[in-house]
Amino acid sequence: MKSVELVDVTLVESGDTFGSGVWFQTCILLDAPGYRVAVGFGASSLIALN
């Protein structure tokens, strides 16, 4: 039987495409054993992750 590895999906922010300052831009964080990937990493995503 194969083992099943789970992937955690974290929606960091999903608000502002244009960077108006009210919402951060889209960022989705995927965590799997041995991997961490950011998808849809907008310009303000680092601020949101902090």
PDB file of N, CA and C in Angstrom:
ATOM      1  N   MET A   1       0.842  -1.172   0.000  1.00  0.00           N
ATOM      2  CA  MET A   1       0.000   0.000   0.000  1.00  0.00           C
ATOM      3  C   MET A   1       0.896   1.247   0.000  1.00  0.00           C
ATOM      4  N   LYS A   2       0.557   2.239  -0.813  1.00  0.00           N
ATOM      5  CA  LYS A   2       1.317   3.482  -0.875  1.00  0.00           C
ATOM      6  C   LYS A   2       0.926   4.392   0.278  1.00  0.00           C
ATOM      7  N   SER A   3       1.911   5.146   0.771  1.00  0.00           N
ATOM      8  CA  SER A   3       1.601   6.130   1.802  1.00  0.00           C
ATOM      9  C   SER A   3       1.039   7.397   1.142  1.00  0.00           C
ATOM     10  N   VAL A   4       0.218   8.092   1.873  1.00  0.00           N
ATOM     11  CA  VAL A   4      -0.404   9.307   1.368  1.00  0.00           C
ATOM     12  C   VAL A   4       0.218  10.501   2.085  1.00  0.00           C
ATOM     13  N   GLU A   5       0.727  11.446   1.310  1.00  0.00           N
ATOM     14  CA  GLU A   5       1.275  12.662   1.881  1.00  0.00           C
ATOM     15  C   GLU A   5       0.262  13.787   1.712  1.00  0.00           C
ATOM     16  N   LEU A   6       0.070  14.538   2.758  1.00  0.00           N
ATOM     17  CA  LEU A   6      -0.903  15.623   2.727  1.00  0.00           C
ATOM     18  C   LEU A   6      -0.233  16.931   2.320  1.00  0.00           C
ATOM     19  N   VAL A   7      -0.988  17.766   1.661  1.00  0.00           N
ATOM     20  CA  VAL A   7      -0.537  19.095   1.278  1.00  0.00           C
ATOM     21  C   VAL A   7      -1.421  20.100   2.002  1.00  0.00           C
ATOM     22  N   ASP A   8      -0.800  21.004   2.748  1.00  0.00           N
ATOM     23  CA  ASP A   8      -1.538  22.086   3.398  1.00  0.00           C
ATOM     24  C   ASP A   8      -1.606  23.269   2.437  1.00  0.00           C
ATOM     25  N   VAL A   9      -2.788  23.828   2.289  1.00  0.00           N
ATOM     26  CA  VAL A   9      -3.003  24.987   1.424  1.00  0.00           C
ATOM     27  C   VAL A   9      -3.422  26.154   2.308  1.00  0.00           C
ATOM     28  N   THR A  10      -2.656  27.245   2.252  1.00  0.00           N
ATOM     29  CA  THR A  10      -2.948  28.433   3.042  1.00  0.00           C
ATOM     30  C   THR A  10      -3.213  29.602   2.112  1.00  0.00           C
ATOM     31  N   LEU A  11      -4.378  30.191   2.233  1.00  0.00           N
ATOM     32  CA  LEU A  11      -4.706  31.390   1.466  1.00  0.00           C
ATOM     33  C   LEU A  11      -4.226  32.579   2.288  1.00  0.00           C
ATOM     34  N   VAL A  12      -3.121  33.189   1.860  1.00  0.00           N
ATOM     35  CA  VAL A  12      -2.537  34.299   2.605  1.00  0.00           C
ATOM     36  C   VAL A  12      -3.372  35.558   2.392  1.00  0.00           C
ATOM     37  N   GLU A  13      -3.737  35.837   1.171  1.00  0.00           N
ATOM     38  CA  GLU A  13      -4.569  37.001   0.856  1.00  0.00           C
ATOM     39  C   GLU A  13      -5.135  36.827  -0.537  1.00  0.00           C
ATOM     40  N   SER A  14      -6.298  37.376  -0.765  1.00  0.00           N
ATOM     41  CA  SER A  14      -6.901  37.245  -2.102  1.00  0.00           C
ATOM     42  C   SER A  14      -7.729  38.463  -2.446  1.00  0.00           C
ATOM     43  N   GLY A  15      -7.197  39.639  -2.236  1.00  0.00           N
ATOM     44  CA  GLY A  15      -8.049  40.796  -2.364  1.00  0.00           C
ATOM     45  C   GLY A  15      -7.832  41.713  -3.533  1.00  0.00           C
ATOM     46  N   ASP A  16      -6.640  42.239  -3.745  1.00  0.00           N
ATOM     47  CA  ASP A  16      -6.470  43.402  -4.598  1.00  0.00           C
ATOM     48  C   ASP A  16      -5.503  43.121  -5.742  1.00  0.00           C
ATOM     49  N   THR A  17      -5.993  43.188  -6.947  1.00  0.00           N
ATOM     50  CA  THR A  17      -5.140  42.986  -8.115  1.00  0.00           C
ATOM     51  C   THR A  17      -4.311  44.217  -8.420  1.00  0.00           C
ATOM     52  N   PHE A  18      -4.823  45.380  -8.082  1.00  0.00           N
ATOM     53  CA  PHE A  18      -4.200  46.628  -8.507  1.00  0.00           C
ATOM     54  C   PHE A  18      -3.331  47.284  -7.450  1.00  0.00           C
ATOM     55  N   GLY A  19      -3.226  46.721  -6.254  1.00  0.00           N
ATOM     56  CA  GLY A  19      -2.352  47.270  -5.222  1.00  0.00           C
ATOM     57  C   GLY A  19      -2.796  48.621  -4.707  1.00  0.00           C
ATOM     58  N   SER A  20      -4.088  48.785  -4.436  1.00  0.00           N
ATOM     59  CA  SER A  20      -4.606  50.077  -3.989  1.00  0.00           C
ATOM     60  C   SER A  20      -4.235  50.396  -2.543  1.00  0.00           C
ATOM     61  N   GLY A  21      -3.684  49.427  -1.814  1.00  0.00           N
ATOM     62  CA  GLY A  21      -3.276  49.671  -0.443  1.00  0.00           C
ATOM     63  C   GLY A  21      -4.273  49.178   0.587  1.00  0.00           C
ATOM     64  N   VAL A  22      -5.481  48.838   0.175  1.00  0.00           N
ATOM     65  CA  VAL A  22      -6.497  48.364   1.113  1.00  0.00           C
ATOM     66  C   VAL A  22      -6.325  46.872   1.383  1.00  0.00           C
ATOM     67  N   TRP A  23      -6.070  46.088   0.351  1.00  0.00           N
ATOM     68  CA  TRP A  23      -5.875  44.651   0.453  1.00  0.00           C
ATOM     69  C   TRP A  23      -4.508  44.291  -0.100  1.00  0.00           C
ATOM     70  N   PHE A  24      -3.983  43.175   0.367  1.00  0.00           N
ATOM     71  CA  PHE A  24      -2.763  42.642  -0.224  1.00  0.00           C
ATOM     72  C   PHE A  24      -3.114  41.873  -1.488  1.00  0.00           C
ATOM     73  N   GLN A  25      -2.122  41.659  -2.348  1.00  0.00           N
ATOM     74  CA  GLN A  25      -2.361  40.907  -3.576  1.00  0.00           C
ATOM     75  C   GLN A  25      -2.409  39.413  -3.276  1.00  0.00           C
ATOM     76  N   THR A  26      -2.914  38.649  -4.222  1.00  0.00           N
ATOM     77  CA  THR A  26      -3.137  37.227  -4.049  1.00  0.00           C
ATOM     78  C   THR A  26      -1.845  36.470  -3.752  1.00  0.00           C
ATOM     79  N   CYS A  27      -1.924  35.570  -2.780  1.00  0.00           N
ATOM     80  CA  CYS A  27      -0.815  34.675  -2.476  1.00  0.00           C
ATOM     81  C   CYS A  27      -1.384  33.402  -1.853  1.00  0.00           C
ATOM     82  N   ILE A  28      -1.025  32.270  -2.411  1.00  0.00           N
ATOM     83  CA  ILE A  28      -1.437  30.970  -1.883  1.00  0.00           C
ATOM     84  C   ILE A  28      -0.170  30.209  -1.541  1.00  0.00           C
ATOM     85  N   LEU A  29      -0.091  29.678  -0.324  1.00  0.00           N
ATOM     86  CA  LEU A  29       1.085  28.956   0.150  1.00  0.00           C
ATOM     87  C   LEU A  29       0.761  27.470   0.227  1.00  0.00           C
ATOM     88  N   LEU A  30       1.561  26.649  -0.462  1.00  0.00           N
ATOM     89  CA  LEU A  30       1.387  25.195  -0.459  1.00  0.00           C
ATOM     90  C   LEU A  30       2.520  24.575   0.351  1.00  0.00           C
ATOM     91  N   ASP A  31       2.174  23.791   1.363  1.00  0.00           N
ATOM     92  CA  ASP A  31       3.149  23.101   2.202  1.00  0.00           C
ATOM     93  C   ASP A  31       2.979  21.602   2.049  1.00  0.00           C
ATOM     94  N   ALA A  32       4.045  20.929   1.640  1.00  0.00           N
ATOM     95  CA  ALA A  32       4.076  19.473   1.550  1.00  0.00           C
ATOM     96  C   ALA A  32       5.376  19.021   2.206  1.00  0.00           C
ATOM     97  N   PRO A  33       5.470  17.790   2.620  1.00  0.00           N
ATOM     98  CA  PRO A  33       6.707  17.321   3.246  1.00  0.00           C
ATOM     99  C   PRO A  33       7.922  17.586   2.355  1.00  0.00           C
ATOM    100  N   GLY A  34       8.824  18.438   2.828  1.00  0.00           N
ATOM    101  CA  GLY A  34      10.033  18.770   2.080  1.00  0.00           C
ATOM    102  C   GLY A  34       9.895  19.910   1.090  1.00  0.00           C
ATOM    103  N   TYR A  35       8.697  20.485   0.959  1.00  0.00           N
ATOM    104  CA  TYR A  35       8.468  21.545  -0.018  1.00  0.00           C
ATOM    105  C   TYR A  35       7.605  22.640   0.577  1.00  0.00           C
ATOM    106  N   ARG A  36       7.868  23.875   0.168  1.00  0.00           N
ATOM    107  CA  ARG A  36       6.999  25.016   0.457  1.00  0.00           C
ATOM    108  C   ARG A  36       7.004  25.889  -0.788  1.00  0.00           C
ATOM    109  N   VAL A  37       5.822  26.095  -1.381  1.00  0.00           N
ATOM    110  CA  VAL A  37       5.709  26.807  -2.643  1.00  0.00           C
ATOM    111  C   VAL A  37       4.676  27.912  -2.503  1.00  0.00           C
ATOM    112  N   ALA A  38       5.015  29.107  -2.990  1.00  0.00           N
ATOM    113  CA  ALA A  38       4.065  30.213  -3.042  1.00  0.00           C
ATOM    114  C   ALA A  38       3.544  30.328  -4.470  1.00  0.00           C
ATOM    115  N   VAL A  39       2.223  30.390  -4.619  1.00  0.00           N
ATOM    116  CA  VAL A  39       1.584  30.467  -5.934  1.00  0.00           C
ATOM    117  C   VAL A  39       0.848  31.795  -6.022  1.00  0.00           C
ATOM    118  N   GLY A  40       0.916  32.434  -7.182  1.00  0.00           N
ATOM    119  CA  GLY A  40       0.223  33.703  -7.357  1.00  0.00           C
ATOM    120  C   GLY A  40       0.828  34.783  -6.484  1.00  0.00           C
ATOM    121  N   PHE A  41       2.141  34.858  -6.480  1.00  0.00           N
ATOM    122  CA  PHE A  41       2.881  35.712  -5.546  1.00  0.00           C
ATOM    123  C   PHE A  41       2.895  37.140  -6.065  1.00  0.00           C
ATOM    124  N   GLY A  42       2.029  38.008  -5.517  1.00  0.00           N
ATOM    125  CA  GLY A  42       1.964  39.408  -5.935  1.00  0.00           C
ATOM    126  C   GLY A  42       3.019  40.255  -5.246  1.00  0.00           C
ATOM    127  N   ALA A  43       3.111  41.510  -5.617  1.00  0.00           N
ATOM    128  CA  ALA A  43       4.137  42.414  -5.099  1.00  0.00           C
ATOM    129  C   ALA A  43       4.023  42.647  -3.591  1.00  0.00           C
ATOM    130  N   SER A  44       2.824  42.603  -3.026  1.00  0.00           N
ATOM    131  CA  SER A  44       2.655  42.848  -1.600  1.00  0.00           C
ATOM    132  C   SER A  44       2.567  41.556  -0.787  1.00  0.00           C
ATOM    133  N   SER A  45       2.855  40.424  -1.397  1.00  0.00           N
ATOM    134  CA  SER A  45       2.733  39.139  -0.707  1.00  0.00           C
ATOM    135  C   SER A  45       3.732  38.980   0.438  1.00  0.00           C
ATOM    136  N   LEU A  46       4.933  39.508   0.292  1.00  0.00           N
ATOM    137  CA  LEU A  46       5.912  39.418   1.382  1.00  0.00           C
ATOM    138  C   LEU A  46       5.426  40.142   2.630  1.00  0.00           C
ATOM    139  N   ILE A  47       4.769  41.259   2.446  1.00  0.00           N
ATOM    140  CA  ILE A  47       4.217  41.996   3.590  1.00  0.00           C
ATOM    141  C   ILE A  47       3.121  41.176   4.256  1.00  0.00           C
ATOM    142  N   ALA A  48       2.264  40.538   3.464  1.00  0.00           N
ATOM    143  CA  ALA A  48       1.183  39.724   4.006  1.00  0.00           C
ATOM    144  C   ALA A  48       1.722  38.506   4.739  1.00  0.00           C
ATOM    145  N   LEU A  49       2.788  37.894   4.220  1.00  0.00           N
ATOM    146  CA  LEU A  49       3.370  36.714   4.879  1.00  0.00           C
ATOM    147  C   LEU A  49       4.035  37.083   6.193  1.00  0.00           C
ATOM    148  N   ASN A  50       4.537  38.295   6.310  1.00  0.00           N
ATOM    149  CA  ASN A  50       5.196  38.741   7.535  1.00  0.00           C
ATOM    150  C   ASN A  50       4.184  38.812   8.657  1.00  0.00           C
TER     151      ASN A  50
END
